């Protein structure tokens, strides 16, 4: 099995976003050292507990401090921006870090309605998502569909290899887009932990058409993970994760990722417990060996050998220990 990392650049209690960016770089360097395949960063807006709102800038920070691991966006939110601008950003990254850049893109707004409006107020008529995808790929390759008014336009700078595109999905509706365009497909099991993801991956593989970007289907499944040295420690990290997620979903989020101490002192309301029960499937937790077994099972359900983990655990030390423990368990 191949492991990759998705990073929200969590801002821990008592720390600042600048601290979070330093921790992200150190985690990426460790992931590279331990043989992880990819390191992706997210795009979220208006959330104080996560600092990753500009994936291109954070990707440059991470890629400049590493040398081998693939660095990507998980993902850039295409409806918020011009397709040409995104293509240019990722062509530039590919030119700076040849053969290492992944362009993962999605169609979520990445924030609430007001933030989405602030990002898009100047756009009187947003384009349909399939059109945005088609334009983006056209700008990357220089080959637009017949009749496109962008014919002949290509993003600069030119690179020997393109950034590797992945369509991000959380409902299954974009699997066909990925398949028909011959792109990679990443499913956010951490958002929608149902059979829908496995079914979408099957649809994607069956409909896949080889392309300039990929000769065969490529599926990545992403999930939240909490790892402890013992089952009791893992349970404590899982509590902290669910406390953060419950508050994030109710828009009464913490300004920072809650610590183990904050989590242990929290008294759960019946409503919060109901939210937690609904979210249980979004997190895999346990010792490294237990987590690895569950990750393999998840990968088998999706028909893939690549699983991307999101370590929303409080404290840099906890995330570092998780990477080391999973890597050791994988080698065992």
Protein backbone atom coordinates (compact mmCIF):
# COMPACT_ATOMS: atom_id res chain seq x y z
CA UNK A 1 0.00 0.00 0.00
CA UNK A 2 1.13 3.53 -0.80
CA UNK A 3 0.47 6.28 1.76
CA UNK A 4 0.06 10.00 1.06
CA UNK A 5 -0.77 12.98 3.29
CA UNK A 6 -3.44 15.70 3.11
CA UNK A 7 -2.62 18.72 5.28
CA UNK A 8 -5.05 21.41 6.47
CA UNK A 9 -2.17 23.30 8.17
CA UNK A 10 -3.88 22.96 11.58
CA UNK A 11 -3.28 25.79 14.04
CA UNK A 12 -2.93 24.29 17.51
CA UNK A 13 -3.97 25.89 20.80
CA UNK A 14 -1.48 28.54 21.86
CA UNK A 15 0.08 28.78 18.41
CA UNK A 16 -0.18 30.98 15.32
CA UNK A 17 -0.62 30.33 11.59
CA UNK A 18 3.10 31.01 11.16
CA UNK A 19 3.77 28.16 13.61
CA UNK A 20 1.41 25.98 11.58
CA UNK A 21 3.29 26.62 8.33
CA UNK A 22 6.56 25.66 9.96
CA UNK A 23 4.98 22.46 11.29
CA UNK A 24 3.58 21.65 7.84
CA UNK A 25 7.00 21.92 6.24
CA UNK A 26 8.59 19.72 8.90
CA UNK A 27 5.82 17.16 8.48
CA UNK A 28 6.31 17.15 4.71
CA UNK A 29 10.04 16.63 5.15
CA UNK A 30 9.37 13.73 7.50
CA UNK A 31 6.79 12.25 5.12
CA UNK A 32 9.35 12.37 2.31
CA UNK A 33 11.97 10.73 4.54
CA UNK A 34 9.50 7.97 5.49
CA UNK A 35 8.59 7.19 1.89
CA UNK A 36 5.15 8.81 1.60
CA UNK A 37 4.16 9.38 -2.02
CA UNK A 38 2.31 12.73 -2.02
CA UNK A 39 1.82 15.73 0.23
CA UNK A 40 -1.32 17.73 -0.60
CA UNK A 41 -2.63 20.91 1.00
CA UNK A 42 -6.20 22.14 1.16
CA UNK A 43 -8.11 25.32 0.36
CA UNK A 44 -10.40 26.53 3.12
CA UNK A 45 -11.59 30.07 3.83
CA UNK A 46 -12.73 31.82 7.00
CA UNK A 47 -11.53 29.06 9.37
CA UNK A 48 -9.12 30.17 12.09
CA UNK A 49 -8.16 26.63 13.12
CA UNK A 50 -6.75 25.80 9.67
CA UNK A 51 -4.30 28.05 7.86
CA UNK A 52 -4.34 26.63 4.34
CA UNK A 53 -6.38 29.03 2.21
CA UNK A 54 -3.97 29.46 -0.71
CA UNK A 55 -2.72 26.03 -1.80
CA UNK A 56 -0.36 27.35 -4.46
CA UNK A 57 1.61 29.44 -1.96
CA UNK A 58 1.72 26.68 0.65
CA UNK A 59 2.72 24.16 -2.05
CA UNK A 60 5.69 26.37 -3.01
CA UNK A 61 6.69 26.56 0.67
CA UNK A 62 6.55 22.76 1.02
CA UNK A 63 8.11 21.92 -2.34
CA UNK A 64 11.04 24.27 -1.77
CA UNK A 65 11.87 22.43 1.46
CA UNK A 66 11.63 18.93 -0.01
CA UNK A 67 13.20 17.24 -3.02
CA UNK A 68 11.31 14.07 -4.03
CA UNK A 69 7.79 13.86 -2.65
CA UNK A 70 4.99 14.93 -4.99
CA UNK A 71 3.29 18.13 -3.79
CA UNK A 72 -0.28 19.02 -4.70
CA UNK A 73 -3.58 20.70 -3.94
CA UNK A 74 -6.34 18.81 -2.25
CA UNK A 75 -7.70 20.81 -3.76
CA UNK A 76 -7.81 24.17 -5.43
CA UNK A 77 -11.49 25.17 -5.71
CA UNK A 78 -11.97 25.83 -9.39
CA UNK A 79 -15.30 27.75 -9.26
CA UNK A 80 -13.61 30.51 -7.28
CA UNK A 81 -11.08 31.42 -9.96
CA UNK A 82 -10.26 31.85 -13.62
CA UNK A 83 -9.28 28.56 -15.24
CA UNK A 84 -6.40 30.31 -17.02
CA UNK A 85 -5.05 31.74 -13.76
CA UNK A 86 -5.11 28.31 -12.11
CA UNK A 87 -3.38 26.74 -15.13
CA UNK A 88 -0.69 29.45 -15.02
CA UNK A 89 -0.13 28.98 -11.28
CA UNK A 90 0.37 25.24 -11.64
CA UNK A 91 2.48 25.48 -14.78
CA UNK A 92 4.74 27.84 -12.84
CA UNK A 93 4.92 25.41 -9.93
CA UNK A 94 5.72 22.57 -12.34
CA UNK A 95 8.50 24.68 -13.89
CA UNK A 96 9.95 25.39 -10.44
CA UNK A 97 9.64 21.79 -9.22
CA UNK A 98 9.67 19.56 -12.34
CA UNK A 99 7.83 16.26 -12.19
CA UNK A 100 6.53 16.83 -8.67
CA UNK A 101 3.32 18.89 -8.94
CA UNK A 102 -0.25 17.55 -8.63
CA UNK A 103 -3.21 19.74 -9.58
CA UNK A 104 -6.12 18.45 -7.53
CA UNK A 105 -9.25 20.51 -8.09
CA UNK A 106 -12.79 20.49 -6.77
CA UNK A 107 -16.03 22.40 -7.12
CA UNK A 108 -16.88 23.19 -3.48
CA UNK A 109 -16.80 26.87 -2.42
CA UNK A 110 -14.46 26.23 0.52
CA UNK A 111 -16.34 28.58 2.83
CA UNK A 112 -19.77 29.93 3.73
CA UNK A 113 -22.07 31.89 1.42
CA UNK A 114 -20.61 35.30 2.31
CA UNK A 115 -17.05 34.14 1.66
CA UNK A 116 -18.07 32.51 -1.60
CA UNK A 117 -19.67 35.79 -2.64
CA UNK A 118 -16.56 37.75 -1.71
CA UNK A 119 -14.47 35.44 -3.89
CA UNK A 120 -16.89 35.56 -6.80
CA UNK A 121 -18.78 38.87 -6.67
CA UNK A 122 -17.15 40.10 -9.86
CA UNK A 123 -18.44 37.12 -11.85
CA UNK A 124 -21.91 37.90 -13.12
CA UNK A 125 -22.51 34.46 -14.65
CA UNK A 126 -20.42 31.60 -13.24
CA UNK A 127 -19.58 28.96 -15.85
CA UNK A 128 -20.83 25.37 -15.45
CA UNK A 129 -18.26 23.18 -13.71
CA UNK A 130 -17.65 20.84 -16.70
CA UNK A 131 -16.86 23.91 -18.80
CA UNK A 132 -14.42 25.17 -16.17
CA UNK A 133 -12.69 21.79 -16.19
CA UNK A 134 -12.52 21.72 -19.99
CA UNK A 135 -11.04 25.22 -20.08
CA UNK A 136 -8.50 24.39 -17.37
CA UNK A 137 -7.22 21.31 -19.21
CA UNK A 138 -7.17 23.25 -22.48
CA UNK A 139 -4.97 25.94 -20.97
CA UNK A 140 -2.60 23.30 -19.54
CA UNK A 141 -2.27 21.35 -22.80
CA UNK A 142 -2.89 24.10 -25.37
CA UNK A 143 -5.55 21.88 -26.94
CA UNK A 144 -9.11 23.19 -26.58
CA UNK A 145 -12.29 21.52 -27.86
CA UNK A 146 -13.46 22.42 -31.36
CA UNK A 147 -15.31 25.71 -31.37
CA UNK A 148 -13.76 27.02 -28.15
CA UNK A 149 -13.09 30.76 -28.23
CA UNK A 150 -9.88 29.98 -26.31
CA UNK A 151 -8.38 28.07 -29.26
CA UNK A 152 -4.62 28.61 -29.41
CA UNK A 153 -4.31 29.85 -25.83
CA UNK A 154 -1.97 27.99 -23.49
CA UNK A 155 -0.78 28.74 -19.98
CA UNK A 156 2.84 29.75 -19.56
CA UNK A 157 5.57 28.95 -18.72
CA UNK A 158 6.01 25.89 -20.91
CA UNK A 159 7.15 22.73 -19.11
CA UNK A 160 8.37 19.34 -20.37
CA UNK A 161 5.74 17.63 -18.22
CA UNK A 162 2.37 19.00 -17.11
CA UNK A 163 1.14 19.15 -13.52
CA UNK A 164 -0.78 15.92 -12.86
CA UNK A 165 -4.54 16.70 -12.65
CA UNK A 166 -6.91 14.96 -10.23
CA UNK A 167 -10.65 15.54 -9.98
CA UNK A 168 -11.75 15.66 -6.35
CA UNK A 169 -15.12 14.17 -5.48
CA UNK A 170 -17.28 13.76 -2.39
CA UNK A 171 -20.58 12.65 -3.89
CA UNK A 172 -19.62 10.63 -6.97
CA UNK A 173 -21.07 13.10 -9.48
CA UNK A 174 -17.65 14.12 -10.82
CA UNK A 175 -16.33 10.59 -11.43
CA UNK A 176 -17.55 10.68 -15.03
CA UNK A 177 -15.76 13.99 -15.67
CA UNK A 178 -12.49 12.47 -14.44
CA UNK A 179 -12.98 9.31 -16.50
CA UNK A 180 -13.87 11.01 -19.78
CA UNK A 181 -10.97 13.47 -19.51
CA UNK A 182 -8.49 10.73 -18.54
CA UNK A 183 -7.58 12.30 -15.18
CA UNK A 184 -6.91 10.92 -11.73
CA UNK A 185 -9.85 10.65 -9.33
CA UNK A 186 -9.68 11.33 -5.58
CA UNK A 187 -12.64 10.61 -3.32
CA UNK A 188 -13.05 12.39 0.03
CA UNK A 189 -14.15 9.47 2.19
CA UNK A 190 -13.56 11.83 5.13
CA UNK A 191 -16.56 13.82 3.90
CA UNK A 192 -18.82 11.04 2.67
CA UNK A 193 -17.98 7.68 4.32
CA UNK A 194 -20.59 5.63 2.46
CA UNK A 195 -20.60 3.11 -0.37
CA UNK A 196 -20.99 6.02 -2.78
CA UNK A 197 -17.25 6.55 -3.00
CA UNK A 198 -16.47 2.93 -3.85
CA UNK A 199 -19.29 2.92 -6.39
CA UNK A 200 -18.02 6.16 -7.96
CA UNK A 201 -14.52 4.69 -8.22
CA UNK A 202 -15.93 1.68 -10.05
CA UNK A 203 -17.82 3.94 -12.48
CA UNK A 204 -14.65 5.95 -13.01
CA UNK A 205 -12.49 2.92 -13.80
CA UNK A 206 -15.04 1.43 -16.19
CA UNK A 207 -15.49 4.71 -18.11
CA UNK A 208 -11.83 5.80 -18.08
CA UNK A 209 -10.32 6.99 -21.36
CA UNK A 210 -6.51 7.16 -21.62
CA UNK A 211 -5.27 10.71 -22.12
CA UNK A 212 -2.29 13.01 -22.35
CA UNK A 213 -2.26 12.95 -18.53
CA UNK A 214 -2.73 9.27 -17.66
CA UNK A 215 -2.63 5.95 -19.48
CA UNK A 216 -4.69 4.13 -16.87
CA UNK A 217 -7.16 4.92 -14.07
CA UNK A 218 -5.69 6.32 -10.86
CA UNK A 219 -7.83 6.38 -7.70
CA UNK A 220 -6.89 7.91 -4.35
CA UNK A 221 -9.16 7.60 -1.31
CA UNK A 222 -8.71 10.18 1.49
CA UNK A 223 -9.73 9.76 5.13
CA UNK A 224 -9.19 11.35 8.55
CA UNK A 225 -6.81 9.34 10.76
CA UNK A 226 -5.86 9.43 14.46
CA UNK A 227 -2.98 7.25 15.66
CA UNK A 228 -1.91 6.53 19.23
CA UNK A 229 0.77 4.41 20.82
CA UNK A 230 -2.04 2.67 22.71
CA UNK A 231 -5.75 2.25 22.08
CA UNK A 232 -6.45 4.61 24.98
CA UNK A 233 -4.24 7.32 23.51
CA UNK A 234 -5.84 6.86 20.10
CA UNK A 235 -9.27 7.23 21.69
CA UNK A 236 -8.19 10.52 23.27
CA UNK A 237 -7.02 11.84 19.89
CA UNK A 238 -10.31 10.70 18.35
CA UNK A 239 -12.19 12.66 21.03
CA UNK A 240 -10.23 15.81 20.20
CA UNK A 241 -10.86 15.31 16.48
CA UNK A 242 -14.60 14.90 16.94
CA UNK A 243 -14.76 17.94 19.22
CA UNK A 244 -13.08 20.06 16.51
CA UNK A 245 -15.31 18.64 13.75
CA UNK A 246 -18.52 19.07 15.77
CA UNK A 247 -17.77 22.74 16.40
CA UNK A 248 -16.65 23.30 12.80
CA UNK A 249 -19.92 21.89 11.49
CA UNK A 250 -22.03 23.99 13.85
CA UNK A 251 -20.12 27.18 12.90
CA UNK A 252 -19.17 27.65 16.57
CA UNK A 253 -15.69 26.46 15.79
CA UNK A 254 -12.69 26.86 18.00
CA UNK A 255 -10.17 29.49 16.95
CA UNK A 256 -7.57 26.73 17.25
CA UNK A 257 -7.46 22.94 17.08
CA UNK A 258 -8.50 21.83 20.60
CA UNK A 259 -5.82 20.20 22.72
CA UNK A 260 -6.17 16.86 24.51
CA UNK A 261 -6.66 18.80 27.75
CA UNK A 262 -9.48 20.90 26.27
CA UNK A 263 -11.09 17.80 24.83
CA UNK A 264 -10.86 15.84 28.10
CA UNK A 265 -12.52 18.68 29.99
CA UNK A 266 -15.37 19.08 27.50
CA UNK A 267 -18.90 18.04 28.50
CA UNK A 268 -20.73 16.77 25.42
CA UNK A 269 -24.34 17.85 24.91
CA UNK A 270 -26.90 15.38 23.48
CA UNK A 271 -26.90 17.34 20.22
CA UNK A 272 -23.11 17.16 19.97
CA UNK A 273 -23.15 13.44 20.70
CA UNK A 274 -25.65 12.95 17.87
CA UNK A 275 -23.35 14.88 15.51
CA UNK A 276 -20.40 12.80 16.64
CA UNK A 277 -22.27 9.54 16.03
CA UNK A 278 -23.10 10.71 12.51
CA UNK A 279 -19.43 11.48 11.85
CA UNK A 280 -17.88 8.29 13.22
CA UNK A 281 -17.23 6.82 9.77
CA UNK A 282 -15.14 9.83 8.72
CA UNK A 283 -12.28 8.90 11.04
CA UNK A 284 -10.08 5.81 11.29
CA UNK A 285 -8.37 5.56 14.68
CA UNK A 286 -6.30 3.13 16.71
CA UNK A 287 -2.71 2.01 17.04
CA UNK A 288 -0.58 2.17 13.89
CA UNK A 289 -1.10 -1.54 13.19
CA UNK A 290 -4.87 -1.24 13.69
CA UNK A 291 -5.09 1.86 11.51
CA UNK A 292 -3.02 0.26 8.75
CA UNK A 293 -5.34 -2.75 8.67
CA UNK A 294 -8.34 -0.45 8.30
CA UNK A 295 -6.62 1.61 5.62
CA UNK A 296 -5.89 -1.53 3.60
CA UNK A 297 -9.54 -2.55 3.88
CA UNK A 298 -10.60 0.91 2.74
CA UNK A 299 -8.20 0.79 -0.21
CA UNK A 300 -9.54 -2.61 -1.25
CA UNK A 301 -13.11 -1.27 -1.19
CA UNK A 302 -12.05 1.50 -3.58
CA UNK A 303 -9.91 -0.79 -5.73
CA UNK A 304 -6.76 1.23 -5.07
CA UNK A 305 -3.41 0.84 -3.35
CA UNK A 306 -3.08 4.56 -2.53
CA UNK A 307 -4.68 6.01 0.59
CA UNK A 308 -4.30 9.65 1.59
CA UNK A 309 -4.53 10.36 5.31
CA UNK A 310 -5.51 13.62 6.99
CA UNK A 311 -3.99 13.91 10.48
CA UNK A 312 -6.23 16.43 12.25
CA UNK A 313 -4.62 15.51 15.57
CA UNK A 314 -3.72 18.19 18.13
CA UNK A 315 -0.02 18.97 18.37
CA UNK A 316 2.87 18.69 15.94
CA UNK A 317 4.41 15.91 18.03
CA UNK A 318 1.28 13.77 17.67
CA UNK A 319 1.20 14.19 13.89
CA UNK A 320 4.93 13.46 13.66
CA UNK A 321 4.58 10.33 15.78
CA UNK A 322 1.66 9.16 13.63
CA UNK A 323 3.70 9.41 10.42
CA UNK A 324 6.63 7.54 11.97
CA UNK A 325 4.42 4.84 13.46
CA UNK A 326 2.46 4.23 10.26
CA UNK A 327 5.65 4.10 8.23
CA UNK A 328 7.18 1.58 10.62
CA UNK A 329 4.01 -0.53 10.58
CA UNK A 330 3.96 -0.45 6.79
CA UNK A 331 7.53 -1.76 6.66
CA UNK A 332 6.93 -4.45 9.29
